[in-house]
Amino acid sequence: MRQIVLDTETTGLEVSDGHRIIEIGAVEIVNRSLTGNVYHQYLNPERAIDEGAQEVHGISIESLQDKPKFHEISDDFIEFIRGAELVIHNAEFDIGFLEAELKLIDAPNQHLEGEVCAAVIDSLKMARKLHPGQRNNLDALCKRYMIDNTQRELHGALLDAQILSDVYLAMTGGQVSMSLTANAGASQAGQAQAGTGEQHDLPVTAVSADELLAHQELLNYIAKHSDNETSLWRSLDEATDQSST
């Protein structure tokens, strides 16, 4: 299973106001393991950046003047995410901006889910179901799952995608390590062997008379030194004796 954890930074909050994407960051996960394969691109939005947005991500329009425009990188970006499940925190926001960019360039596949990607997973909705009534932004989730986000002084698409990949794996059961994979393989091999119908005799060790006597003496000691004359073990023994008659 191939998944792409994705984040964007934009010139403002509302795509309906003509705001554009200025940074895309994406991290690849295959079979719940981070591959190290990433996509990262700054973009020239050809418009001003809202002051409030710049305070969040720290990206100035001056720093983007020599960066490519979306139509120049769209093919490479689409190929990177093609066929994968997209994992996005507050997916409606990022998908809305990405599909608006695709519409502006009249791209052949303007609807990501189903046309380009297998599915879109909103990790914010997932977190709200897992932790109702709690804060579920990325910083809060990092604290909850003990994920280091000390480098996150400002929002950044690639950094946030990398952090979200750790959060997502933690929320969905943790990342599968090589050792766990090996153990899982051994377990599957054992299950396959069990399915062949082979019978394996398990060793049975009988209790000796001396061990039974020592056990009864221990029960007598407990009964003598406790408020309850009948110990739990002895009650269970009596119940077993009654059920077997």
Protein backbone atom coordinates (compact mmCIF):
# COMPACT_ATOMS: atom_id res chain seq x y z
CA MET A 1 0.00 0.00 0.00
CA ARG A 2 1.42 3.36 -1.07
CA GLN A 3 0.44 6.53 0.78
CA ILE A 4 1.53 10.13 0.36
CA VAL A 5 1.38 12.44 3.37
CA LEU A 6 0.92 15.94 1.97
CA ASP A 7 0.81 19.55 3.09
CA THR A 8 0.70 22.94 1.37
CA GLU A 9 1.35 26.55 2.29
CA THR A 10 -0.64 29.30 0.59
CA THR A 11 -0.86 33.05 0.11
CA GLY A 12 -4.04 33.17 2.23
CA LEU A 13 -6.89 31.17 3.66
CA GLU A 14 -9.62 31.39 1.01
CA VAL A 15 -9.17 29.81 -2.39
CA SER A 16 -12.36 31.61 -3.46
CA ASP A 17 -10.50 34.91 -3.02
CA GLY A 18 -7.91 33.88 -5.58
CA HIS A 19 -5.25 32.75 -3.12
CA ARG A 20 -2.60 30.38 -4.46
CA ILE A 21 -0.23 27.65 -3.34
CA ILE A 22 3.34 28.71 -2.59
CA GLU A 23 4.79 25.46 -1.20
CA ILE A 24 4.04 21.74 -1.56
CA GLY A 25 5.59 19.08 0.66
CA ALA A 26 4.89 15.36 0.42
CA VAL A 27 6.33 12.24 2.08
CA GLU A 28 5.99 8.68 0.78
CA ILE A 29 4.92 5.73 2.95
CA VAL A 30 4.86 2.20 1.53
CA ASN A 31 3.38 -0.60 3.64
CA ARG A 32 3.51 1.65 6.72
CA SER A 33 7.23 2.35 6.33
CA LEU A 34 8.74 5.72 5.46
CA THR A 35 10.72 5.27 2.24
CA GLY A 36 12.69 8.53 2.40
CA ASN A 37 11.18 9.53 -0.95
CA VAL A 38 9.81 13.09 -0.77
CA TYR A 39 8.45 15.79 -3.03
CA HIS A 40 9.15 19.42 -2.18
CA GLN A 41 8.61 22.55 -4.22
CA TYR A 42 8.29 26.30 -3.63
CA LEU A 43 6.09 28.12 -6.16
CA ASN A 44 5.72 31.62 -7.52
CA PRO A 45 2.03 32.44 -6.91
CA GLU A 46 2.06 35.55 -9.14
CA ARG A 47 0.21 37.52 -6.46
CA ALA A 48 0.79 39.04 -3.03
CA ILE A 49 0.88 37.04 0.20
CA ASP A 50 -1.47 38.05 3.01
CA GLU A 51 0.34 39.42 6.04
CA GLY A 52 -1.40 36.93 8.34
CA ALA A 53 -0.37 34.00 6.18
CA GLN A 54 3.25 35.16 6.07
CA GLU A 55 3.31 35.32 9.86
CA VAL A 56 2.33 31.63 9.92
CA HIS A 57 4.80 30.23 7.37
CA GLY A 58 7.41 32.99 7.13
CA ILE A 59 7.59 32.86 3.32
CA SER A 60 7.88 36.22 1.57
CA ILE A 61 6.86 36.98 -2.00
CA GLU A 62 10.41 38.24 -2.65
CA SER A 63 11.83 34.79 -1.92
CA LEU A 64 9.51 33.23 -4.51
CA GLN A 65 10.22 35.43 -7.54
CA ASP A 66 12.66 32.94 -9.07
CA LYS A 67 10.60 29.84 -8.25
CA PRO A 68 8.58 27.93 -10.89
CA LYS A 69 4.89 28.47 -11.45
CA PHE A 70 2.45 25.66 -10.75
CA HIS A 71 1.93 24.75 -14.41
CA GLU A 72 5.67 24.14 -14.74
CA ILE A 73 5.74 21.48 -12.04
CA SER A 74 2.21 20.04 -12.27
CA ASP A 75 3.15 16.95 -14.31
CA ASP A 76 5.93 15.90 -11.90
CA PHE A 77 3.71 16.52 -8.90
CA ILE A 78 0.81 14.52 -10.33
CA GLU A 79 3.10 11.61 -11.14
CA PHE A 80 4.46 11.61 -7.59
CA ILE A 81 1.01 11.27 -6.02
CA ARG A 82 -0.63 9.16 -8.75
CA GLY A 83 -2.31 5.98 -7.50
CA ALA A 84 -1.53 6.64 -3.83
CA GLU A 85 -3.75 7.36 -0.86
CA LEU A 86 -3.33 10.98 0.19
CA VAL A 87 -3.07 11.63 3.92
CA ILE A 88 -3.76 15.30 4.72
CA HIS A 89 -4.55 17.15 7.93
CA ASN A 90 -7.71 19.15 7.21
CA ALA A 91 -7.81 17.70 3.70
CA GLU A 92 -10.61 19.94 2.42
CA PHE A 93 -8.30 22.96 2.60
CA ASP A 94 -5.34 21.48 0.68
CA ILE A 95 -7.46 19.56 -1.84
CA GLY A 96 -9.43 22.72 -2.55
CA PHE A 97 -6.27 24.66 -3.34
CA LEU A 98 -4.68 21.87 -5.40
CA GLU A 99 -7.78 21.33 -7.52
CA ALA A 100 -8.11 25.09 -8.03
CA GLU A 101 -4.53 25.18 -9.36
CA LEU A 102 -5.29 22.27 -11.70
CA LYS A 103 -8.40 24.04 -12.94
CA LEU A 104 -6.46 27.23 -13.66
CA ILE A 105 -4.15 25.36 -16.04
CA ASP A 106 -7.01 23.28 -17.48
CA ALA A 107 -5.31 20.04 -16.41
CA PRO A 108 -6.85 16.78 -17.71
CA ASN A 109 -7.35 15.41 -14.18
CA GLN A 110 -8.77 18.22 -12.07
CA HIS A 111 -10.41 16.00 -9.43
CA LEU A 112 -7.70 14.31 -7.37
CA GLU A 113 -9.67 11.64 -5.50
CA GLY A 114 -10.63 8.86 -7.88
CA GLU A 115 -8.98 10.40 -10.94
CA VAL A 116 -5.40 10.73 -9.75
CA CYS A 117 -5.31 9.22 -6.26
CA ALA A 118 -6.93 6.12 -4.81
CA ALA A 119 -8.38 7.96 -1.81
CA VAL A 120 -8.01 10.98 0.46
CA ILE A 121 -7.65 10.39 4.20
CA ASP A 122 -8.31 13.38 6.44
CA SER A 123 -6.13 12.86 9.53
CA LEU A 124 -7.92 15.74 11.31
CA LYS A 125 -11.28 13.97 11.04
CA MET A 126 -9.60 10.77 12.18
CA ALA A 127 -8.07 12.53 15.21
CA ARG A 128 -11.43 14.07 16.16
CA LYS A 129 -13.02 10.62 16.22
CA LEU A 130 -10.17 9.20 18.30
CA HIS A 131 -9.97 12.19 20.69
CA PRO A 132 -13.37 13.90 20.80
CA GLY A 133 -13.55 17.19 22.65
CA GLN A 134 -9.76 17.66 22.60
CA ARG A 135 -7.43 19.84 20.56
CA ASN A 136 -6.37 17.95 17.46
CA ASN A 137 -4.10 20.34 15.61
CA LEU A 138 -0.67 19.04 14.64
CA ASP A 139 1.12 20.46 17.69
CA ALA A 140 -1.44 18.94 20.07
CA LEU A 141 -1.17 15.55 18.38
CA CYS A 142 2.63 15.66 18.57
CA LYS A 143 2.37 16.23 22.31
CA ARG A 144 -0.23 13.48 22.71
CA TYR A 145 1.83 10.92 20.77
CA MET A 146 5.21 12.14 22.07
CA ILE A 147 6.52 13.12 18.62
CA ASP A 148 9.33 15.66 18.47
CA ASN A 149 8.21 18.87 16.77
CA THR A 150 10.76 21.25 18.28
CA GLN A 151 11.91 22.30 14.79
CA ARG A 152 8.42 23.58 13.98
CA GLU A 153 8.84 27.26 14.86
CA LEU A 154 6.97 28.18 11.65
CA HIS A 155 4.70 26.15 9.42
CA GLY A 156 6.43 24.57 6.44
CA ALA A 157 4.88 22.17 3.94
CA LEU A 158 7.65 19.56 3.91
CA LEU A 159 8.36 19.75 7.65
CA ASP A 160 4.65 19.50 8.47
CA ALA A 161 4.23 16.54 6.08
CA GLN A 162 7.15 14.77 7.77
CA ILE A 163 5.69 15.41 11.23
CA LEU A 164 2.21 14.38 10.09
CA SER A 165 3.59 11.10 8.73
CA ASP A 166 4.85 10.22 12.22
CA VAL A 167 1.55 11.32 13.79
CA TYR A 168 -0.50 9.32 11.28
CA LEU A 169 1.52 6.15 11.84
CA ALA A 170 1.17 6.59 15.60
CA MET A 171 -2.59 7.18 15.36
CA THR A 172 -3.06 4.09 13.21
CA GLY A 173 -0.96 1.70 15.25
CA GLY A 174 2.66 2.76 14.96
CA GLN A 175 5.25 2.32 12.26
CA VAL A 176 6.21 -1.24 11.39
CA SER A 177 9.92 -1.70 11.99
CA MET A 178 12.13 -4.23 10.22
CA SER A 179 12.21 -6.45 13.31
CA LEU A 180 8.43 -6.38 13.63
CA THR A 181 8.12 -7.20 9.94
CA ALA A 182 10.42 -10.15 10.39
CA ASN A 183 8.43 -11.34 13.39
CA ALA A 184 5.22 -10.94 11.43
CA GLY A 185 6.70 -13.06 8.66
CA ALA A 186 7.66 -15.73 11.14
CA SER A 187 4.18 -15.62 12.62
CA GLN A 188 2.62 -15.97 9.17
CA ALA A 189 4.90 -18.90 8.44
CA GLY A 190 3.77 -20.50 11.68
CA GLN A 191 0.14 -19.95 10.77
CA ALA A 192 0.73 -21.47 7.36
CA GLN A 193 2.32 -24.52 8.98
CA ALA A 194 -0.61 -24.78 11.40
CA GLY A 195 -2.97 -24.77 8.44
CA THR A 196 -1.33 -27.87 6.95
CA GLY A 197 -2.96 -30.08 9.55
CA GLU A 198 0.30 -31.18 11.21
CA GLN A 199 -0.20 -32.21 14.83
CA HIS A 200 2.34 -31.20 17.44
CA ASP A 201 2.26 -32.81 20.91
CA LEU A 202 2.60 -30.27 23.69
CA PRO A 203 4.50 -31.39 26.80
CA VAL A 204 2.33 -31.90 29.90
CA THR A 205 4.01 -31.86 33.30
CA ALA A 206 2.10 -33.51 36.16
CA VAL A 207 2.15 -32.07 39.67
CA SER A 208 4.02 -34.28 42.16
CA ALA A 209 2.61 -35.39 45.52
CA ASP A 210 5.16 -33.25 47.37
CA GLU A 211 4.10 -30.17 45.36
CA LEU A 212 0.43 -30.82 46.14
CA LEU A 213 1.24 -31.15 49.85
CA ALA A 214 3.26 -27.91 49.83
CA HIS A 215 0.38 -26.15 48.07
CA GLN A 216 -2.14 -27.29 50.71
CA GLU A 217 0.17 -26.19 53.52
CA LEU A 218 0.43 -22.74 51.92
CA LEU A 219 -3.38 -22.51 51.71
CA ASN A 220 -3.67 -23.50 55.37
CA TYR A 221 -1.18 -20.77 56.31
CA ILE A 222 -3.09 -18.14 54.34
CA ALA A 223 -6.41 -19.16 55.90
CA LYS A 224 -4.92 -19.04 59.39
CA HIS A 225 -3.45 -15.55 59.01
CA SER A 226 -6.30 -13.87 57.14
CA ASP A 227 -9.79 -12.69 58.03
CA ASN A 228 -11.27 -15.01 55.48
CA GLU A 229 -10.99 -18.63 56.50
CA THR A 230 -11.35 -19.80 52.90
CA SER A 231 -8.73 -18.53 50.46
CA LEU A 232 -9.55 -17.72 46.86
CA TRP A 233 -7.58 -20.73 45.64
CA ARG A 234 -9.46 -23.07 47.94
CA SER A 235 -12.82 -21.56 46.90
CA LEU A 236 -11.94 -22.20 43.29
CA ASP A 237 -10.85 -25.74 44.11
CA GLU A 238 -14.18 -26.38 45.89
CA ALA A 239 -16.13 -24.90 42.97
CA THR A 240 -14.22 -27.11 40.56
CA ASP A 241 -14.89 -30.17 42.68
CA GLN A 242 -18.62 -29.39 42.79
CA SER A 243 -18.86 -28.81 39.04
CA SER A 244 -17.14 -32.10 38.32
CA THR A 245 -19.58 -34.17 40.42
